């Protein structure tokens, strides 16, 4: 679990160094997304396994839609940093 969190932190650092927020949506929504994903990752380790594969598929489909929509929304409010 430590390795996965370290890799996640490295990815967040790369993303935040490569982009900057255009407005409050790009700033706060992105950081909220980072925290929510981290909390879900940690919580998943302590939950019991799912009861069926159907439950896994349904949860995965909904989670994918929410994740894609959320990242699209906050990434539209961020821009690539220009190196001097």
N, C-alpha and C. Protein backbone atom coordinates (compact mmCIF):
# COMPACT_ATOMS: atom_id res chain seq x y z
N UNK A 1 0.82 -1.19 0.00
CA UNK A 1 0.00 0.00 0.00
C UNK A 1 0.87 1.26 0.00
N UNK A 2 2.01 1.18 0.63
CA UNK A 2 2.91 2.33 0.69
C UNK A 2 3.44 2.67 -0.70
N UNK A 3 3.76 1.65 -1.47
CA UNK A 3 4.28 1.88 -2.82
C UNK A 3 3.22 2.55 -3.70
N UNK A 4 1.98 2.06 -3.61
CA UNK A 4 0.91 2.64 -4.42
C UNK A 4 0.66 4.10 -4.06
N UNK A 5 0.66 4.41 -2.77
CA UNK A 5 0.45 5.80 -2.33
C UNK A 5 1.61 6.69 -2.78
N UNK A 6 2.83 6.16 -2.72
CA UNK A 6 3.98 6.94 -3.18
C UNK A 6 3.89 7.22 -4.68
N UNK A 7 3.47 6.21 -5.45
CA UNK A 7 3.31 6.41 -6.90
C UNK A 7 2.19 7.41 -7.19
N UNK A 8 1.12 7.34 -6.44
CA UNK A 8 0.01 8.28 -6.60
C UNK A 8 0.48 9.70 -6.30
N UNK A 9 1.22 9.86 -5.21
CA UNK A 9 1.75 11.18 -4.84
C UNK A 9 2.69 11.72 -5.93
N UNK A 10 3.50 10.84 -6.50
CA UNK A 10 4.39 11.27 -7.58
C UNK A 10 3.59 11.74 -8.79
N UNK A 11 2.53 11.02 -9.14
CA UNK A 11 1.68 11.42 -10.25
C UNK A 11 0.99 12.75 -10.00
N UNK A 12 0.52 12.95 -8.77
CA UNK A 12 -0.11 14.23 -8.42
C UNK A 12 0.90 15.36 -8.53
N UNK A 13 2.12 15.12 -8.07
CA UNK A 13 3.17 16.15 -8.17
C UNK A 13 3.48 16.50 -9.62
N UNK A 14 3.59 15.50 -10.47
CA UNK A 14 3.86 15.76 -11.89
C UNK A 14 2.73 16.57 -12.50
N UNK A 15 1.48 16.19 -12.21
CA UNK A 15 0.33 16.91 -12.77
C UNK A 15 0.27 18.35 -12.28
N UNK A 16 0.47 18.55 -10.98
CA UNK A 16 0.38 19.91 -10.44
C UNK A 16 1.55 20.78 -10.88
N UNK A 17 2.69 20.19 -11.16
CA UNK A 17 3.81 20.97 -11.66
C UNK A 17 3.65 21.29 -13.15
N UNK A 18 2.94 20.44 -13.89
CA UNK A 18 2.78 20.65 -15.33
C UNK A 18 1.59 21.55 -15.68
N UNK A 19 0.66 21.72 -14.74
CA UNK A 19 -0.53 22.53 -15.01
C UNK A 19 -0.73 23.56 -13.91
N UNK A 20 -1.58 24.55 -14.21
CA UNK A 20 -1.97 25.52 -13.18
C UNK A 20 -3.44 25.84 -13.37
N UNK A 21 -4.07 26.22 -12.28
CA UNK A 21 -5.50 26.50 -12.30
C UNK A 21 -5.78 27.82 -12.99
N UNK A 22 -6.84 27.83 -13.80
CA UNK A 22 -7.30 29.07 -14.42
C UNK A 22 -8.23 29.82 -13.47
N UNK A 23 -8.94 29.08 -12.63
CA UNK A 23 -9.93 29.67 -11.73
C UNK A 23 -10.11 28.76 -10.50
N UNK A 24 -11.12 29.08 -9.70
CA UNK A 24 -11.32 28.30 -8.47
C UNK A 24 -11.74 26.87 -8.75
N UNK A 25 -12.42 26.61 -9.85
CA UNK A 25 -12.82 25.24 -10.18
C UNK A 25 -11.57 24.39 -10.42
N UNK A 26 -10.64 24.91 -11.19
CA UNK A 26 -9.41 24.19 -11.47
C UNK A 26 -8.56 23.94 -10.24
N UNK A 27 -8.66 24.82 -9.27
CA UNK A 27 -7.87 24.67 -8.05
C UNK A 27 -8.54 23.71 -7.07
N UNK A 28 -9.75 24.04 -6.66
CA UNK A 28 -10.38 23.29 -5.57
C UNK A 28 -10.96 21.95 -6.01
N UNK A 29 -11.51 21.88 -7.21
CA UNK A 29 -12.06 20.62 -7.67
C UNK A 29 -10.95 19.59 -7.90
N UNK A 30 -9.83 20.03 -8.42
CA UNK A 30 -8.71 19.10 -8.63
C UNK A 30 -8.20 18.54 -7.32
N UNK A 31 -8.02 19.40 -6.32
CA UNK A 31 -7.53 18.93 -5.03
C UNK A 31 -8.56 18.08 -4.29
N UNK A 32 -9.83 18.40 -4.47
CA UNK A 32 -10.89 17.57 -3.88
C UNK A 32 -10.87 16.18 -4.52
N UNK A 33 -10.67 16.14 -5.82
CA UNK A 33 -10.58 14.87 -6.54
C UNK A 33 -9.41 14.03 -6.02
N UNK A 34 -8.27 14.66 -5.83
CA UNK A 34 -7.09 13.96 -5.32
C UNK A 34 -7.37 13.35 -3.95
N UNK A 35 -7.99 14.13 -3.07
CA UNK A 35 -8.28 13.65 -1.71
C UNK A 35 -9.32 12.53 -1.74
N UNK A 36 -10.38 12.69 -2.53
CA UNK A 36 -11.42 11.66 -2.60
C UNK A 36 -10.85 10.35 -3.13
N UNK A 37 -10.03 10.39 -4.17
CA UNK A 37 -9.42 9.17 -4.68
C UNK A 37 -8.54 8.50 -3.64
N UNK A 38 -7.78 9.30 -2.90
CA UNK A 38 -6.92 8.73 -1.86
C UNK A 38 -7.76 8.08 -0.75
N UNK A 39 -8.83 8.75 -0.33
CA UNK A 39 -9.71 8.19 0.70
C UNK A 39 -10.39 6.90 0.22
N UNK A 40 -10.83 6.88 -1.03
CA UNK A 40 -11.44 5.67 -1.57
C UNK A 40 -10.44 4.52 -1.65
N UNK A 41 -9.22 4.82 -2.01
CA UNK A 41 -8.18 3.79 -2.07
C UNK A 41 -7.93 3.19 -0.70
N UNK A 42 -7.78 4.03 0.30
CA UNK A 42 -7.53 3.54 1.66
C UNK A 42 -8.75 2.79 2.20
N UNK A 43 -9.95 3.33 1.99
CA UNK A 43 -11.17 2.68 2.48
C UNK A 43 -11.38 1.31 1.83
N UNK A 44 -11.00 1.19 0.57
CA UNK A 44 -11.17 -0.08 -0.14
C UNK A 44 -10.36 -1.20 0.52
N UNK A 45 -9.25 -0.87 1.10
CA UNK A 45 -8.40 -1.88 1.74
C UNK A 45 -9.04 -2.49 2.98
N UNK A 46 -9.97 -1.77 3.59
CA UNK A 46 -10.56 -2.22 4.85
C UNK A 46 -12.00 -2.70 4.70
N UNK A 47 -12.54 -2.69 3.49
CA UNK A 47 -13.90 -3.18 3.25
C UNK A 47 -13.87 -4.66 2.91
N UNK A 48 -14.98 -5.37 3.18
CA UNK A 48 -15.04 -6.78 2.79
C UNK A 48 -15.13 -6.91 1.27
N UNK A 49 -14.80 -8.07 0.74
CA UNK A 49 -14.90 -8.25 -0.71
C UNK A 49 -16.35 -8.18 -1.19
N UNK A 50 -16.55 -7.83 -2.45
CA UNK A 50 -17.92 -7.73 -2.98
C UNK A 50 -18.59 -9.11 -3.01
N UNK A 51 -19.92 -9.09 -2.99
CA UNK A 51 -20.67 -10.34 -2.95
C UNK A 51 -20.77 -11.03 -4.31
N UNK A 52 -20.73 -10.25 -5.39
CA UNK A 52 -20.86 -10.86 -6.71
C UNK A 52 -20.10 -10.03 -7.75
N UNK A 53 -19.87 -10.66 -8.89
CA UNK A 53 -19.21 -9.95 -9.98
C UNK A 53 -20.13 -8.91 -10.59
N UNK A 54 -21.45 -9.13 -10.52
CA UNK A 54 -22.40 -8.15 -11.02
C UNK A 54 -22.27 -6.85 -10.23
N UNK A 55 -22.09 -6.97 -8.93
CA UNK A 55 -21.92 -5.79 -8.07
C UNK A 55 -20.63 -5.05 -8.44
N UNK A 56 -19.57 -5.78 -8.72
CA UNK A 56 -18.31 -5.18 -9.14
C UNK A 56 -18.48 -4.43 -10.45
N UNK A 57 -19.17 -5.05 -11.41
CA UNK A 57 -19.37 -4.43 -12.72
C UNK A 57 -20.21 -3.16 -12.62
N UNK A 58 -21.28 -3.21 -11.86
CA UNK A 58 -22.15 -2.04 -11.72
C UNK A 58 -21.42 -0.89 -11.02
N UNK A 59 -20.76 -1.20 -9.95
CA UNK A 59 -20.02 -0.17 -9.22
C UNK A 59 -18.91 0.42 -10.09
N UNK A 60 -18.21 -0.44 -10.82
CA UNK A 60 -17.14 0.02 -11.70
C UNK A 60 -17.65 0.92 -12.82
N UNK A 61 -18.80 0.58 -13.38
CA UNK A 61 -19.36 1.40 -14.46
C UNK A 61 -19.75 2.78 -13.96
N UNK A 62 -20.42 2.83 -12.82
CA UNK A 62 -20.82 4.12 -12.26
C UNK A 62 -19.60 4.93 -11.85
N UNK A 63 -18.64 4.29 -11.20
CA UNK A 63 -17.43 4.99 -10.76
C UNK A 63 -16.64 5.53 -11.95
N UNK A 64 -16.58 4.79 -13.04
CA UNK A 64 -15.88 5.25 -14.23
C UNK A 64 -16.54 6.49 -14.82
N UNK A 65 -17.86 6.47 -14.92
CA UNK A 65 -18.57 7.64 -15.45
C UNK A 65 -18.34 8.87 -14.59
N UNK A 66 -18.43 8.72 -13.29
CA UNK A 66 -18.22 9.85 -12.39
C UNK A 66 -16.79 10.36 -12.48
N UNK A 67 -15.83 9.45 -12.49
CA UNK A 67 -14.42 9.83 -12.54
C UNK A 67 -14.08 10.56 -13.84
N UNK A 68 -14.54 10.04 -14.95
CA UNK A 68 -14.24 10.68 -16.24
C UNK A 68 -14.88 12.06 -16.33
N UNK A 69 -16.14 12.17 -15.90
CA UNK A 69 -16.82 13.46 -15.94
C UNK A 69 -16.14 14.48 -15.03
N UNK A 70 -15.76 14.05 -13.84
CA UNK A 70 -15.13 14.96 -12.89
C UNK A 70 -13.77 15.44 -13.40
N UNK A 71 -12.96 14.52 -13.89
CA UNK A 71 -11.63 14.92 -14.39
C UNK A 71 -11.75 15.82 -15.62
N UNK A 72 -12.71 15.53 -16.51
CA UNK A 72 -12.92 16.40 -17.68
C UNK A 72 -13.28 17.81 -17.22
N UNK A 73 -14.15 17.90 -16.21
CA UNK A 73 -14.61 19.20 -15.73
C UNK A 73 -13.46 20.02 -15.14
N UNK A 74 -12.68 19.44 -14.21
CA UNK A 74 -11.64 20.27 -13.60
C UNK A 74 -10.44 20.46 -14.52
N UNK A 75 -10.18 19.52 -15.43
CA UNK A 75 -9.04 19.70 -16.33
C UNK A 75 -9.32 20.79 -17.36
N UNK A 76 -10.57 21.02 -17.70
CA UNK A 76 -10.92 22.14 -18.59
C UNK A 76 -10.62 23.48 -17.93
N UNK A 77 -10.55 23.48 -16.61
CA UNK A 77 -10.29 24.71 -15.86
C UNK A 77 -8.85 24.79 -15.39
N UNK A 78 -7.99 24.03 -16.04
CA UNK A 78 -6.56 24.10 -15.77
C UNK A 78 -5.86 24.30 -17.11
N UNK A 79 -4.64 24.81 -17.08
CA UNK A 79 -3.89 25.02 -18.31
C UNK A 79 -2.44 24.57 -18.11
N UNK A 80 -1.79 24.28 -19.21
CA UNK A 80 -0.39 23.84 -19.17
C UNK A 80 0.48 25.02 -18.77
N UNK A 81 1.40 24.76 -17.85
CA UNK A 81 2.36 25.81 -17.48
C UNK A 81 3.35 26.00 -18.60
N UNK A 82 3.68 27.21 -18.85
CA UNK A 82 4.68 27.52 -19.88
C UNK A 82 6.03 27.73 -19.18
N UNK A 83 7.02 27.02 -19.64
CA UNK A 83 8.36 27.17 -19.09
C UNK A 83 9.02 28.39 -19.71
N UNK A 84 9.69 29.17 -18.89
CA UNK A 84 10.36 30.39 -19.39
C UNK A 84 11.67 30.07 -20.06
